[in-house]
Amino acid sequence: MISDDEDRITVSQVLEGHKDLFSLLIKKHERAVYGMGMSFFKNAEDALDFTQDVFLNAYKNLAQFAGRSRFSTWLYKTAYNRAINNFTRRKEYHSLAESDIVSDSYNPEKKLLRELAKDAVLEAIKGLPEKFKLCIDMFFFYDRSYKEIEVITGYPLNTIKSHVFRAKKLLKEKLKNFAEYGRGDIK
């Protein structure tokens, strides 16, 4: 896996004519871009088309990457803007948390408990306002900083902090009963 500094070096090498090196950037970031596509379009075919479109667009506009931020931030901003532009006809954003997180390698009891936890979290996330879902996804599932979320979404920094804080508070309250159940506090 290439680091952020290696991303910058790879970008400069691609711009110098080593176009085949762009595949390194695709390999590193395609899963996250695809995940964003699934979050918006909830359809594997559309998410694949979206991913291809994002990387094609990124390649065509690579010279616009100035290196003031991480390459991933620039790429995710590009992806986010393309998703929003294509998404305007749809009303609901689907959280990345809705993807399947239960592994078959767990024993049946652990698998059932993880499935119940997943269902509880998904149900709690569904009840969040759309703007909260987006900020929570970027923060937790894409591991973006508040500043990066600001660059990607265009939301003011304090608004993002507020959305994440409020979303965590709402999720904590909604999942309170489930947490107590997991500890055996509820009969």
Protein backbone atom coordinates (compact mmCIF):
# COMPACT_ATOMS: atom_id res chain seq x y z
CA MET A 1 0.00 0.00 0.00
CA ILE A 2 1.42 3.39 -0.91
CA SER A 3 1.52 6.26 1.60
CA ASP A 4 0.29 9.83 1.18
CA ASP A 5 3.81 11.01 0.27
CA GLU A 6 4.05 8.18 -2.22
CA ASP A 7 0.66 9.29 -3.62
CA ARG A 8 2.13 12.75 -4.33
CA ILE A 9 5.21 11.23 -5.93
CA THR A 10 3.07 8.88 -8.00
CA VAL A 11 0.90 11.79 -9.16
CA SER A 12 3.96 13.78 -10.25
CA GLN A 13 5.35 10.73 -12.09
CA VAL A 14 2.03 10.20 -13.88
CA LEU A 15 2.03 13.87 -14.89
CA GLU A 16 5.62 13.44 -16.17
CA GLY A 17 4.42 10.75 -18.57
CA HIS A 18 4.50 7.50 -16.58
CA LYS A 19 0.77 7.03 -17.11
CA ASP A 20 0.80 3.35 -16.16
CA LEU A 21 1.58 4.34 -12.54
CA PHE A 22 -1.94 5.73 -12.18
CA SER A 23 -2.98 2.10 -11.59
CA LEU A 24 -1.23 2.29 -8.18
CA LEU A 25 -3.54 5.11 -7.16
CA ILE A 26 -6.55 3.17 -8.40
CA LYS A 27 -5.56 0.07 -6.46
CA LYS A 28 -5.09 2.06 -3.26
CA HIS A 29 -8.31 4.08 -3.43
CA GLU A 30 -10.82 2.10 -5.52
CA ARG A 31 -12.41 0.34 -2.55
CA ALA A 32 -13.18 3.64 -0.77
CA VAL A 33 -14.53 5.24 -3.96
CA TYR A 34 -16.63 2.15 -4.65
CA GLY A 35 -17.90 2.29 -1.04
CA MET A 36 -18.94 5.89 -1.56
CA GLY A 37 -20.73 4.83 -4.75
CA MET A 38 -22.58 2.11 -2.84
CA SER A 39 -23.49 4.63 -0.15
CA PHE A 40 -25.14 6.87 -2.69
CA PHE A 41 -26.50 4.47 -5.31
CA LYS A 42 -27.05 1.25 -3.28
CA ASN A 43 -26.46 -0.75 -6.44
CA ALA A 44 -23.25 -2.60 -7.35
CA GLU A 45 -23.50 -1.89 -11.08
CA ASP A 46 -24.05 1.84 -10.54
CA ALA A 47 -21.28 1.92 -7.92
CA LEU A 48 -18.86 0.28 -10.38
CA ASP A 49 -19.82 2.76 -13.10
CA PHE A 50 -19.42 5.58 -10.58
CA THR A 51 -15.97 4.29 -9.53
CA GLN A 52 -14.80 4.08 -13.12
CA ASP A 53 -16.18 7.55 -13.84
CA VAL A 54 -14.45 9.03 -10.79
CA PHE A 55 -11.05 7.59 -11.71
CA LEU A 56 -11.42 8.60 -15.34
CA ASN A 57 -12.30 12.12 -14.24
CA ALA A 58 -9.43 12.16 -11.71
CA TYR A 59 -6.99 11.04 -14.40
CA LYS A 60 -8.16 13.73 -16.82
CA ASN A 61 -7.90 16.41 -14.11
CA LEU A 62 -4.81 15.14 -12.30
CA ALA A 63 -2.89 18.32 -13.08
CA GLN A 64 -5.39 20.17 -10.87
CA PHE A 65 -4.15 18.27 -7.80
CA ALA A 66 -1.96 20.92 -6.20
CA GLY A 67 -0.66 18.80 -3.33
CA ARG A 68 -1.99 21.14 -0.62
CA SER A 69 -4.04 18.27 0.79
CA ARG A 70 -3.72 14.50 0.74
CA PHE A 71 -4.39 12.96 -2.65
CA SER A 72 -7.16 10.89 -1.06
CA THR A 73 -8.89 14.08 0.13
CA TRP A 74 -8.74 15.56 -3.37
CA LEU A 75 -9.99 12.29 -4.89
CA TYR A 76 -12.84 11.89 -2.37
CA LYS A 77 -13.91 15.48 -2.93
CA THR A 78 -14.03 14.74 -6.65
CA ALA A 79 -15.99 11.56 -5.98
CA TYR A 80 -18.35 13.28 -3.56
CA ASN A 81 -19.09 16.10 -6.01
CA ARG A 82 -19.75 13.63 -8.82
CA ALA A 83 -22.01 11.57 -6.56
CA ILE A 84 -23.96 14.63 -5.45
CA ASN A 85 -24.37 15.75 -9.06
CA ASN A 86 -25.61 12.28 -10.10
CA PHE A 87 -27.63 11.82 -6.94
CA THR A 88 -29.87 14.88 -7.12
CA ARG A 89 -32.71 12.77 -8.51
CA ARG A 90 -32.63 10.50 -5.45
CA LYS A 91 -33.66 11.49 -1.97
CA GLU A 92 -31.88 9.17 0.45
CA TYR A 93 -28.19 8.74 1.23
CA HIS A 94 -27.31 5.18 2.32
CA SER A 95 -24.66 4.93 4.99
CA LEU A 96 -21.52 2.92 4.34
CA ALA A 97 -22.33 1.22 7.63
CA GLU A 98 -25.11 -0.57 5.78
CA SER A 99 -22.56 -2.73 3.95
CA ASP A 100 -22.14 -6.29 5.14
CA ILE A 101 -19.73 -6.36 8.08
CA VAL A 102 -20.42 -9.87 9.39
CA SER A 103 -17.61 -12.33 8.63
CA ASP A 104 -18.23 -16.02 8.07
CA SER A 105 -15.13 -16.82 10.13
CA TYR A 106 -16.94 -16.23 13.44
CA ASN A 107 -18.57 -19.04 15.32
CA PRO A 108 -22.39 -19.14 15.09
CA GLU A 109 -22.98 -17.43 18.46
CA LYS A 110 -20.56 -14.59 17.73
CA LYS A 111 -21.97 -14.29 14.23
CA LEU A 112 -25.52 -13.97 15.61
CA LEU A 113 -24.43 -11.36 18.17
CA ARG A 114 -22.56 -9.39 15.48
CA GLU A 115 -25.62 -9.60 13.22
CA LEU A 116 -27.86 -8.30 16.02
CA ALA A 117 -25.38 -5.50 16.78
CA LYS A 118 -25.16 -4.64 13.08
CA ASP A 119 -28.96 -4.53 12.80
CA ALA A 120 -29.22 -2.30 15.88
CA VAL A 121 -26.58 0.10 14.53
CA LEU A 122 -28.18 0.17 11.07
CA GLU A 123 -31.59 0.89 12.55
CA ALA A 124 -30.11 3.68 14.66
CA ILE A 125 -28.24 5.17 11.69
CA LYS A 126 -31.37 5.07 9.51
CA GLY A 127 -33.04 7.45 11.95
CA LEU A 128 -30.28 10.06 11.68
CA PRO A 129 -30.72 13.14 9.52
CA GLU A 130 -29.03 12.72 6.11
CA LYS A 131 -26.34 15.35 6.84
CA PHE A 132 -25.43 13.53 10.07
CA LYS A 133 -25.14 10.19 8.24
CA LEU A 134 -22.77 11.69 5.70
CA CYS A 135 -20.48 13.24 8.33
CA ILE A 136 -20.49 10.06 10.43
CA ASP A 137 -19.59 7.97 7.38
CA MET A 138 -16.74 10.26 6.37
CA PHE A 139 -15.42 10.42 9.94
CA PHE A 140 -15.69 6.77 10.97
CA PHE A 141 -15.85 4.67 7.81
CA TYR A 142 -13.58 6.74 5.55
CA ASP A 143 -11.34 7.85 8.44
CA ARG A 144 -11.43 11.49 7.30
CA SER A 145 -10.52 14.34 9.63
CA TYR A 146 -12.96 17.17 10.24
CA LYS A 147 -10.84 19.40 7.97
CA GLU A 148 -10.90 16.81 5.20
CA ILE A 149 -14.67 16.44 5.52
CA GLU A 150 -14.91 20.22 5.18
CA VAL A 151 -12.88 20.10 1.97
CA ILE A 152 -14.87 17.16 0.60
CA THR A 153 -18.40 18.30 1.47
CA GLY A 154 -18.05 22.07 1.63
CA TYR A 155 -19.75 22.11 5.04
CA PRO A 156 -18.20 24.57 7.53
CA LEU A 157 -15.78 22.95 9.99
CA ASN A 158 -17.86 23.74 13.09
CA THR A 159 -20.98 22.39 11.38
CA ILE A 160 -19.19 19.10 10.71
CA LYS A 161 -18.01 18.88 14.32
CA SER A 162 -21.54 19.58 15.47
CA HIS A 163 -23.04 16.98 13.11
CA VAL A 164 -20.60 14.27 14.27
CA PHE A 165 -21.11 15.17 17.93
CA ARG A 166 -24.91 15.18 17.61
CA ALA A 167 -24.92 11.97 15.58
CA LYS A 168 -22.79 10.19 18.17
CA LYS A 169 -25.08 11.45 20.93
CA LEU A 170 -28.19 10.27 19.07
CA LEU A 171 -26.62 6.90 18.30
CA LYS A 172 -25.56 6.45 21.90
CA GLU A 173 -29.10 7.15 23.09
CA LYS A 174 -30.67 4.90 20.45
CA LEU A 175 -28.26 2.06 21.21
CA LYS A 176 -28.47 2.39 24.99
CA ASN A 177 -30.95 -0.44 25.38
CA PHE A 178 -28.93 -2.70 23.10
CA ALA A 179 -25.74 -2.03 25.09
CA GLU A 180 -27.57 -2.80 28.35
CA TYR A 181 -28.91 -6.01 26.76
CA GLY A 182 -25.37 -7.01 25.76
CA ARG A 183 -24.23 -6.62 29.37
CA GLY A 184 -27.22 -8.59 30.66
CA ASP A 185 -28.73 -5.55 32.43
CA ILE A 186 -32.16 -6.02 30.83
CA LYS A 187 -34.29 -9.03 31.73
